């Protein structure tokens, strides 16, 4: 699982988007949170990290969540805007096939 997470961090194209989030990876769990808990409205990386730890009972570094959100913003899965000295995110609602093409 760690190897798969590392490939996703390095932005190696994987076929996860076409099948939906893989619950066996941190990345898949983060994506699931975005699709369920954060489907509407603005959120921060701290919000996602807090919800991740509550839902899955696993500690996660804020930097890991921030990296995943930045990658998802690059793929246009989420939109991000600067708010002061931090980022605010919002779901972009692209089809999974569009995300896989990025």
N, C-alpha and C. Protein backbone atom coordinates (compact mmCIF):
# COMPACT_ATOMS: atom_id res chain seq x y z
N UNK A 1 0.82 -1.19 0.00
CA UNK A 1 0.00 0.00 0.00
C UNK A 1 0.86 1.26 0.00
N UNK A 2 1.96 1.22 0.74
CA UNK A 2 2.83 2.40 0.79
C UNK A 2 3.43 2.70 -0.58
N UNK A 3 3.75 1.64 -1.32
CA UNK A 3 4.30 1.85 -2.66
C UNK A 3 3.26 2.51 -3.56
N UNK A 4 2.01 2.09 -3.47
CA UNK A 4 0.95 2.69 -4.28
C UNK A 4 0.76 4.15 -3.90
N UNK A 5 0.78 4.45 -2.59
CA UNK A 5 0.66 5.83 -2.14
C UNK A 5 1.81 6.68 -2.69
N UNK A 6 3.02 6.12 -2.70
CA UNK A 6 4.18 6.85 -3.19
C UNK A 6 4.03 7.13 -4.69
N UNK A 7 3.55 6.15 -5.45
CA UNK A 7 3.33 6.38 -6.88
C UNK A 7 2.31 7.47 -7.11
N UNK A 8 1.27 7.50 -6.29
CA UNK A 8 0.26 8.53 -6.44
C UNK A 8 0.81 9.91 -6.08
N UNK A 9 1.63 9.98 -5.05
CA UNK A 9 2.25 11.25 -4.68
C UNK A 9 3.14 11.76 -5.81
N UNK A 10 3.86 10.83 -6.47
CA UNK A 10 4.75 11.21 -7.55
C UNK A 10 3.98 11.47 -8.85
N UNK A 11 2.66 11.33 -8.79
CA UNK A 11 1.78 11.61 -9.93
C UNK A 11 1.97 10.62 -11.07
N UNK A 12 2.29 9.38 -10.73
CA UNK A 12 2.35 8.32 -11.74
C UNK A 12 0.91 7.94 -12.04
N UNK A 13 0.50 7.95 -13.31
CA UNK A 13 -0.90 7.66 -13.63
C UNK A 13 -1.29 6.24 -13.24
N UNK A 14 -2.33 6.14 -12.47
CA UNK A 14 -2.89 4.86 -12.07
C UNK A 14 -4.34 4.83 -12.51
N UNK A 15 -4.89 3.68 -12.61
CA UNK A 15 -6.26 3.54 -13.11
C UNK A 15 -7.29 3.60 -11.99
N UNK A 16 -7.00 4.25 -10.87
CA UNK A 16 -7.93 4.33 -9.75
C UNK A 16 -9.15 5.16 -10.08
N UNK A 17 -8.99 6.24 -10.81
CA UNK A 17 -10.10 7.16 -11.04
C UNK A 17 -11.24 6.50 -11.79
N UNK A 18 -10.95 5.63 -12.71
CA UNK A 18 -12.00 4.98 -13.48
C UNK A 18 -12.81 4.01 -12.63
N UNK A 19 -12.19 3.44 -11.61
CA UNK A 19 -12.87 2.47 -10.75
C UNK A 19 -13.41 3.10 -9.48
N UNK A 20 -13.07 4.30 -9.18
CA UNK A 20 -13.46 4.93 -7.92
C UNK A 20 -12.32 4.83 -6.93
N UNK A 21 -12.47 5.48 -5.79
CA UNK A 21 -11.40 5.50 -4.80
C UNK A 21 -11.09 4.11 -4.25
N UNK A 22 -9.83 3.80 -4.09
CA UNK A 22 -9.37 2.54 -3.51
C UNK A 22 -9.27 2.73 -2.00
N UNK A 23 -10.14 2.07 -1.27
CA UNK A 23 -10.17 2.21 0.19
C UNK A 23 -8.95 1.62 0.88
N UNK A 24 -8.10 0.92 0.14
CA UNK A 24 -6.89 0.35 0.72
C UNK A 24 -5.73 1.33 0.80
N UNK A 25 -5.89 2.53 0.25
CA UNK A 25 -4.82 3.52 0.28
C UNK A 25 -5.26 4.78 1.02
N UNK A 26 -4.29 5.51 1.53
CA UNK A 26 -4.60 6.80 2.15
C UNK A 26 -5.26 7.71 1.12
N UNK A 27 -4.70 7.73 -0.07
CA UNK A 27 -5.23 8.59 -1.12
C UNK A 27 -6.70 8.27 -1.41
N UNK A 28 -7.03 6.99 -1.52
CA UNK A 28 -8.40 6.58 -1.77
C UNK A 28 -9.34 6.99 -0.65
N UNK A 29 -8.85 6.90 0.57
CA UNK A 29 -9.67 7.31 1.72
C UNK A 29 -9.90 8.82 1.72
N UNK A 30 -8.87 9.57 1.37
CA UNK A 30 -9.02 11.03 1.28
C UNK A 30 -10.04 11.37 0.20
N UNK A 31 -9.93 10.70 -0.94
CA UNK A 31 -10.87 10.95 -2.03
C UNK A 31 -12.30 10.61 -1.61
N UNK A 32 -12.48 9.53 -0.87
CA UNK A 32 -13.81 9.16 -0.37
C UNK A 32 -14.35 10.23 0.56
N UNK A 33 -13.50 10.76 1.43
CA UNK A 33 -13.94 11.84 2.32
C UNK A 33 -14.42 13.04 1.52
N UNK A 34 -13.69 13.37 0.47
CA UNK A 34 -14.07 14.52 -0.34
C UNK A 34 -15.41 14.28 -1.02
N UNK A 35 -15.66 13.05 -1.43
CA UNK A 35 -16.91 12.72 -2.12
C UNK A 35 -18.10 12.64 -1.17
N UNK A 36 -17.86 12.38 0.10
CA UNK A 36 -18.96 12.22 1.06
C UNK A 36 -19.06 13.42 2.00
N UNK A 37 -18.12 13.54 2.89
CA UNK A 37 -18.17 14.58 3.92
C UNK A 37 -18.02 15.98 3.36
N UNK A 38 -17.15 16.14 2.36
CA UNK A 38 -16.86 17.48 1.83
C UNK A 38 -17.40 17.68 0.42
N UNK A 39 -18.54 17.05 0.14
CA UNK A 39 -19.12 17.14 -1.20
C UNK A 39 -19.61 18.55 -1.53
N UNK A 40 -19.99 19.31 -0.52
CA UNK A 40 -20.48 20.67 -0.75
C UNK A 40 -19.81 21.62 0.23
N UNK A 41 -19.49 22.79 -0.23
CA UNK A 41 -18.90 23.80 0.64
C UNK A 41 -17.39 23.80 0.62
N UNK A 42 -16.83 24.78 1.29
CA UNK A 42 -15.39 24.96 1.36
C UNK A 42 -14.81 24.14 2.50
N UNK A 43 -13.54 23.76 2.36
CA UNK A 43 -12.85 23.04 3.41
C UNK A 43 -11.37 23.32 3.33
N UNK A 44 -10.67 23.04 4.39
CA UNK A 44 -9.22 23.22 4.43
C UNK A 44 -8.55 21.86 4.60
N UNK A 45 -7.25 21.84 4.45
CA UNK A 45 -6.51 20.59 4.65
C UNK A 45 -6.63 20.14 6.10
N UNK A 46 -6.72 21.07 7.04
CA UNK A 46 -6.92 20.72 8.45
C UNK A 46 -8.26 20.03 8.67
N UNK A 47 -9.29 20.53 7.98
CA UNK A 47 -10.61 19.90 8.08
C UNK A 47 -10.55 18.45 7.61
N UNK A 48 -9.88 18.22 6.49
CA UNK A 48 -9.78 16.87 5.93
C UNK A 48 -8.96 15.98 6.86
N UNK A 49 -7.86 16.47 7.38
CA UNK A 49 -7.02 15.69 8.29
C UNK A 49 -7.79 15.30 9.55
N UNK A 50 -8.51 16.24 10.11
CA UNK A 50 -9.29 15.98 11.32
C UNK A 50 -10.36 14.91 11.05
N UNK A 51 -11.09 15.05 9.95
CA UNK A 51 -12.13 14.09 9.60
C UNK A 51 -11.53 12.72 9.30
N UNK A 52 -10.38 12.69 8.62
CA UNK A 52 -9.70 11.43 8.32
C UNK A 52 -9.39 10.68 9.62
N UNK A 53 -8.80 11.37 10.57
CA UNK A 53 -8.43 10.73 11.84
C UNK A 53 -9.66 10.26 12.61
N UNK A 54 -10.76 11.04 12.57
CA UNK A 54 -11.98 10.64 13.26
C UNK A 54 -12.62 9.42 12.60
N UNK A 55 -12.69 9.43 11.28
CA UNK A 55 -13.37 8.35 10.57
C UNK A 55 -12.57 7.06 10.55
N UNK A 56 -11.27 7.15 10.28
CA UNK A 56 -10.46 5.95 10.10
C UNK A 56 -9.63 5.58 11.33
N UNK A 57 -9.58 6.43 12.33
CA UNK A 57 -8.84 6.13 13.55
C UNK A 57 -7.35 6.00 13.34
N UNK A 58 -6.84 6.65 12.30
CA UNK A 58 -5.41 6.62 12.00
C UNK A 58 -4.87 8.04 11.99
N UNK A 59 -3.70 8.24 12.58
CA UNK A 59 -3.10 9.58 12.48
C UNK A 59 -2.61 9.83 11.05
N UNK A 60 -2.69 11.08 10.63
CA UNK A 60 -2.22 11.45 9.31
C UNK A 60 -1.55 12.81 9.42
N UNK A 61 -0.44 12.97 8.74
CA UNK A 61 0.26 14.25 8.77
C UNK A 61 -0.48 15.27 7.91
N UNK A 62 -0.53 16.49 8.38
CA UNK A 62 -1.16 17.56 7.62
C UNK A 62 -0.47 17.74 6.27
N UNK A 63 0.83 17.55 6.24
CA UNK A 63 1.57 17.70 4.98
C UNK A 63 1.14 16.65 3.95
N UNK A 64 0.79 15.44 4.41
CA UNK A 64 0.31 14.40 3.50
C UNK A 64 -1.01 14.82 2.88
N UNK A 65 -1.93 15.31 3.71
CA UNK A 65 -3.23 15.76 3.21
C UNK A 65 -3.04 16.93 2.25
N UNK A 66 -2.18 17.86 2.61
CA UNK A 66 -1.92 19.02 1.74
C UNK A 66 -1.36 18.59 0.39
N UNK A 67 -0.47 17.61 0.39
CA UNK A 67 0.10 17.10 -0.86
C UNK A 67 -0.98 16.48 -1.73
N UNK A 68 -1.82 15.64 -1.12
CA UNK A 68 -2.91 15.00 -1.87
C UNK A 68 -3.88 16.05 -2.44
N UNK A 69 -4.23 17.05 -1.64
CA UNK A 69 -5.15 18.08 -2.12
C UNK A 69 -4.52 18.89 -3.25
N UNK A 70 -3.23 19.17 -3.16
CA UNK A 70 -2.55 19.90 -4.24
C UNK A 70 -2.55 19.08 -5.53
N UNK A 71 -2.31 17.77 -5.42
CA UNK A 71 -2.35 16.90 -6.60
C UNK A 71 -3.75 16.86 -7.20
N UNK A 72 -4.76 16.78 -6.33
CA UNK A 72 -6.15 16.76 -6.81
C UNK A 72 -6.53 18.10 -7.44
N UNK A 73 -5.96 19.19 -6.95
CA UNK A 73 -6.20 20.50 -7.57
C UNK A 73 -5.54 20.56 -8.95
N UNK A 74 -4.35 19.99 -9.07
CA UNK A 74 -3.67 19.93 -10.37
C UNK A 74 -4.48 19.14 -11.39
N UNK A 75 -5.16 18.10 -10.91
CA UNK A 75 -6.00 17.26 -11.77
C UNK A 75 -7.41 17.83 -11.94
N UNK A 76 -7.64 18.98 -11.34
CA UNK A 76 -8.92 19.69 -11.39
C UNK A 76 -10.07 18.90 -10.74
N UNK A 77 -9.74 18.06 -9.77
CA UNK A 77 -10.74 17.33 -9.00
C UNK A 77 -11.30 18.25 -7.91
N UNK A 78 -10.45 19.12 -7.41
CA UNK A 78 -10.87 20.17 -6.47
C UNK A 78 -10.36 21.51 -6.99
N UNK A 79 -11.03 22.55 -6.58
CA UNK A 79 -10.56 23.90 -6.86
C UNK A 79 -9.96 24.43 -5.58
N UNK A 80 -8.91 25.25 -5.72
CA UNK A 80 -8.33 25.84 -4.52
C UNK A 80 -8.09 27.31 -4.74
N UNK A 81 -8.29 28.06 -3.66
CA UNK A 81 -8.07 29.50 -3.67
C UNK A 81 -7.29 29.89 -2.44
N UNK A 82 -6.48 30.90 -2.63
CA UNK A 82 -5.70 31.44 -1.52
C UNK A 82 -6.63 32.24 -0.62
N UNK A 83 -6.55 32.00 0.67
CA UNK A 83 -7.32 32.75 1.65
C UNK A 83 -6.35 33.13 2.77
N UNK A 84 -5.85 34.36 2.71
CA UNK A 84 -4.80 34.77 3.66
C UNK A 84 -3.53 34.00 3.37
N UNK A 85 -3.04 33.28 4.39
CA UNK A 85 -1.82 32.50 4.19
C UNK A 85 -2.10 31.00 4.07
N UNK A 86 -3.35 30.65 3.76
CA UNK A 86 -3.69 29.24 3.60
C UNK A 86 -4.55 29.03 2.36
N UNK A 87 -4.83 27.77 2.06
CA UNK A 87 -5.64 27.41 0.90
C UNK A 87 -7.03 26.97 1.36
N UNK A 88 -8.02 27.31 0.56
CA UNK A 88 -9.38 26.85 0.77
C UNK A 88 -9.77 26.04 -0.47
N UNK A 89 -10.35 24.87 -0.24
CA UNK A 89 -10.67 23.95 -1.32
C UNK A 89 -12.17 23.81 -1.47
N UNK A 90 -12.58 23.38 -2.68
CA UNK A 90 -13.98 23.08 -2.98
C UNK A 90 -13.99 22.03 -4.08
N UNK A 91 -14.92 21.08 -3.99
CA UNK A 91 -15.03 20.04 -5.03
C UNK A 91 -15.30 20.66 -6.39
N UNK A 92 -14.73 20.09 -7.45
CA UNK A 92 -14.89 20.61 -8.80
C UNK A 92 -15.92 19.83 -9.62
N UNK A 93 -16.27 18.62 -9.20
CA UNK A 93 -17.30 17.80 -9.85
C UNK A 93 -16.98 17.45 -11.29
N UNK A 94 -15.82 16.87 -11.50
CA UNK A 94 -15.47 16.32 -12.81
C UNK A 94 -15.82 14.84 -12.82
N UNK A 95 -16.02 14.30 -13.98
CA UNK A 95 -16.24 12.87 -14.12
C UNK A 95 -14.93 12.14 -13.88
N UNK A 96 -14.97 10.93 -13.30
CA UNK A 96 -13.73 10.19 -13.04
C UNK A 96 -12.84 10.04 -14.27
N UNK A 97 -13.41 9.85 -15.45
CA UNK A 97 -12.59 9.70 -16.65
C UNK A 97 -11.81 10.97 -16.95
N UNK A 98 -12.39 12.13 -16.65
CA UNK A 98 -11.68 13.39 -16.85
C UNK A 98 -10.49 13.50 -15.91
N UNK A 99 -10.62 12.99 -14.70
CA UNK A 99 -9.53 13.05 -13.72
C UNK A 99 -8.39 12.14 -14.17
N UNK A 100 -8.73 10.94 -14.67
CA UNK A 100 -7.71 9.99 -15.11
C UNK A 100 -6.89 10.53 -16.27
N UNK A 101 -7.49 11.38 -17.09
CA UNK A 101 -6.79 11.95 -18.24
C UNK A 101 -5.76 12.98 -17.82
N UNK A 102 -5.89 13.58 -16.66
CA UNK A 102 -5.00 14.65 -16.22
C UNK A 102 -3.62 14.14 -15.90
